[in-house]
Each structure stands twice: as structure tokens, then as C-alpha cells.
Amino acid sequence: MATKSLKSKERFSQAAFVRQTIQSNLLEGIVEIPTNLKNRLVEVILLPLDSEKSTHHRRSYSPLDRFAGAWAGEPLVREEQGNYEAREELM
């Protein structure tokens, strides 16, 4: 099987995957093959679902992203907002 690496924009991260062309009848019993793909040449791509990236590789897209989930004090409670004032209708 051919194994390839994808280079991401991050310097230290690499995602390995497998991409192979195979006869679909060889996959019988392993994967449910739709009728229209039986006895045909198909491409199989295996991608990892678990993440091997550590948190320091994550790029922050907003200056506020680094604060998300950082509060370690008592749980925050949103106070009652009160009533809205009555306003005149716009014409």
C-alpha cells in the first residue's frame, strides 16, 4: 500500500494517510459495498480520526481564542437583564 504525507501550513505537523486503488470485491466482508460499486475498481482512502497534534500547534485565528476556556474561578452566571424600555416606532 502506498503511504503519503500531507504537509500542512504548520511546521511540525504531518498527517499520514493511505490511498490505494483496489477491486471492490476484495473489500467484501470488510466494508459494505453498494450495488453500483460491486466488481469495480475503487479508490480507498484511510485517514486517521484521532488527533496527534498537541495544543501548542494550534494556530489562534483571533486574539480572543487564547482566552477561551481559561476561566478557573467560580462558574459564571448571567444576571437578569431587566425590562427593555418602550421606544417610539421608526417611520
C-alpha atoms as a PDB file:
ATOM      1  CA  MET A   1       0.000   0.000   0.000  1.00  0.00           C
ATOM      2  CA  ALA A   2       1.170   3.491  -0.742  1.00  0.00           C
ATOM      3  CA  THR A   3       1.575   5.809   2.222  1.00  0.00           C
ATOM      4  CA  LYS A   4       1.832   9.529   1.656  1.00  0.00           C
ATOM      5  CA  SER A   5       2.273  12.552   3.897  1.00  0.00           C
ATOM      6  CA  LEU A   6       0.463  15.827   3.614  1.00  0.00           C
ATOM      7  CA  LYS A   7       2.397  18.915   4.596  1.00  0.00           C
ATOM      8  CA  SER A   8       0.218  21.355   6.446  1.00  0.00           C
ATOM      9  CA  LYS A   9       0.964  25.009   6.974  1.00  0.00           C
ATOM     10  CA  GLU A  10       2.201  24.168  10.457  1.00  0.00           C
ATOM     11  CA  ARG A  11       5.899  23.311  10.553  1.00  0.00           C
ATOM     12  CA  PHE A  12       5.819  20.334  12.901  1.00  0.00           C
ATOM     13  CA  SER A  13       2.582  18.596  11.956  1.00  0.00           C
ATOM     14  CA  GLN A  14       2.265  15.782   9.417  1.00  0.00           C
ATOM     15  CA  ALA A  15      -0.842  13.740   8.698  1.00  0.00           C
ATOM     16  CA  ALA A  16      -0.233  10.247   7.318  1.00  0.00           C
ATOM     17  CA  PHE A  17      -2.847   8.601   5.148  1.00  0.00           C
ATOM     18  CA  VAL A  18      -3.221   5.630   2.808  1.00  0.00           C
ATOM     19  CA  ARG A  19      -4.670   5.897  -0.688  1.00  0.00           C
ATOM     20  CA  GLN A  20      -4.987   2.826  -2.867  1.00  0.00           C
ATOM     21  CA  THR A  21      -6.919   1.654  -5.916  1.00  0.00           C
ATOM     22  CA  ILE A  22      -8.376  -1.836  -5.460  1.00  0.00           C
ATOM     23  CA  GLN A  23     -11.064  -4.160  -6.823  1.00  0.00           C
ATOM     24  CA  SER A  24     -14.184  -3.670  -4.695  1.00  0.00           C
ATOM     25  CA  ASN A  25     -14.869  -7.414  -4.426  1.00  0.00           C
ATOM     26  CA  LEU A  26     -11.689  -7.692  -2.279  1.00  0.00           C
ATOM     27  CA  LEU A  27     -13.390  -5.487   0.304  1.00  0.00           C
ATOM     28  CA  GLU A  28     -16.456  -7.772   0.674  1.00  0.00           C
ATOM     29  CA  GLY A  29     -16.945  -8.681   4.339  1.00  0.00           C
ATOM     30  CA  ILE A  30     -14.819  -5.723   5.479  1.00  0.00           C
ATOM     31  CA  VAL A  31     -16.874  -2.817   4.152  1.00  0.00           C
ATOM     32  CA  GLU A  32     -20.463  -2.810   2.929  1.00  0.00           C
ATOM     33  CA  ILE A  33     -20.174  -2.300  -0.819  1.00  0.00           C
ATOM     34  CA  PRO A  34     -23.073  -0.515  -2.574  1.00  0.00           C
ATOM     35  CA  THR A  35     -24.511  -2.457  -5.523  1.00  0.00           C
ATOM     36  CA  ASN A  36     -23.341   0.080  -8.093  1.00  0.00           C
ATOM     37  CA  LEU A  37     -19.720  -0.314  -6.887  1.00  0.00           C
ATOM     38  CA  LYS A  38     -19.558  -4.123  -6.806  1.00  0.00           C
ATOM     39  CA  ASN A  39     -16.919  -5.732  -9.067  1.00  0.00           C
ATOM     40  CA  ARG A  40     -15.470  -2.331  -9.993  1.00  0.00           C
ATOM     41  CA  LEU A  41     -12.148  -0.642  -9.457  1.00  0.00           C
ATOM     42  CA  VAL A  42     -12.494   1.732  -6.491  1.00  0.00           C
ATOM     43  CA  GLU A  43     -10.216   4.068  -4.583  1.00  0.00           C
ATOM     44  CA  VAL A  44      -9.850   3.550  -0.836  1.00  0.00           C
ATOM     45  CA  ILE A  45      -8.561   6.370   1.350  1.00  0.00           C
ATOM     46  CA  LEU A  46      -7.725   5.812   5.032  1.00  0.00           C
ATOM     47  CA  LEU A  47      -7.491   8.902   7.218  1.00  0.00           C
ATOM     48  CA  PRO A  48      -6.796   8.990  10.976  1.00  0.00           C
ATOM     49  CA  LEU A  49      -9.680  10.132  13.169  1.00  0.00           C
ATOM     50  CA  ASP A  50      -7.663  10.730  16.312  1.00  0.00           C
ATOM     51  CA  SER A  51      -5.611  13.868  16.605  1.00  0.00           C
ATOM     52  CA  GLU A  52      -1.877  13.616  17.149  1.00  0.00           C
ATOM     53  CA  LYS A  53      -1.475  17.378  17.315  1.00  0.00           C
ATOM     54  CA  SER A  54      -0.653  18.925  20.646  1.00  0.00           C
ATOM     55  CA  THR A  55      -2.309  22.155  21.728  1.00  0.00           C
ATOM     56  CA  HIS A  56       0.781  24.286  21.067  1.00  0.00           C
ATOM     57  CA  HIS A  57       0.498  23.522  17.338  1.00  0.00           C
ATOM     58  CA  ARG A  58      -2.971  25.067  17.158  1.00  0.00           C
ATOM     59  CA  ARG A  59      -2.985  28.415  15.430  1.00  0.00           C
ATOM     60  CA  SER A  60      -5.055  31.129  17.063  1.00  0.00           C
ATOM     61  CA  TYR A  61      -7.196  32.923  14.475  1.00  0.00           C
ATOM     62  CA  SER A  62      -8.351  35.620  16.859  1.00  0.00           C
ATOM     63  CA  PRO A  63      -6.552  37.261  19.783  1.00  0.00           C
ATOM     64  CA  LEU A  64      -9.512  36.196  21.946  1.00  0.00           C
ATOM     65  CA  ASP A  65      -9.116  32.483  21.094  1.00  0.00           C
ATOM     66  CA  ARG A  66      -6.299  32.080  23.593  1.00  0.00           C
ATOM     67  CA  PHE A  67      -8.682  33.080  26.400  1.00  0.00           C
ATOM     68  CA  ALA A  68     -11.405  30.557  25.523  1.00  0.00           C
ATOM     69  CA  GLY A  69     -11.866  28.132  28.414  1.00  0.00           C
ATOM     70  CA  ALA A  70      -9.252  29.883  30.542  1.00  0.00           C
ATOM     71  CA  TRP A  71     -11.548  30.983  33.416  1.00  0.00           C
ATOM     72  CA  ALA A  72     -10.678  28.929  36.502  1.00  0.00           C
ATOM     73  CA  GLY A  73     -12.828  30.718  39.071  1.00  0.00           C
ATOM     74  CA  GLU A  74     -16.422  30.142  40.155  1.00  0.00           C
ATOM     75  CA  PRO A  75     -18.939  29.360  37.392  1.00  0.00           C
ATOM     76  CA  LEU A  76     -20.117  32.497  35.642  1.00  0.00           C
ATOM     77  CA  VAL A  77     -23.809  33.326  35.966  1.00  0.00           C
ATOM     78  CA  ARG A  78     -25.629  35.734  33.683  1.00  0.00           C
ATOM     79  CA  GLU A  79     -27.686  38.101  35.788  1.00  0.00           C
ATOM     80  CA  GLU A  80     -31.281  39.066  34.981  1.00  0.00           C
ATOM     81  CA  GLN A  81     -31.288  41.599  32.138  1.00  0.00           C
ATOM     82  CA  GLY A  82     -34.319  43.585  33.284  1.00  0.00           C
ATOM     83  CA  ASN A  83     -37.028  45.057  31.069  1.00  0.00           C
ATOM     84  CA  TYR A  84     -36.450  46.878  27.823  1.00  0.00           C
ATOM     85  CA  GLU A  85     -37.548  50.458  27.649  1.00  0.00           C
ATOM     86  CA  ALA A  86     -40.521  51.287  25.408  1.00  0.00           C
ATOM     87  CA  ARG A  87     -39.389  53.125  22.284  1.00  0.00           C
ATOM     88  CA  GLU A  88     -41.237  55.068  19.649  1.00  0.00           C
ATOM     89  CA  GLU A  89     -41.707  53.284  16.325  1.00  0.00           C
ATOM     90  CA  LEU A  90     -39.479  54.284  13.445  1.00  0.00           C
ATOM     91  CA  MET A  91     -41.287  55.602  10.367  1.00  0.00           C
END
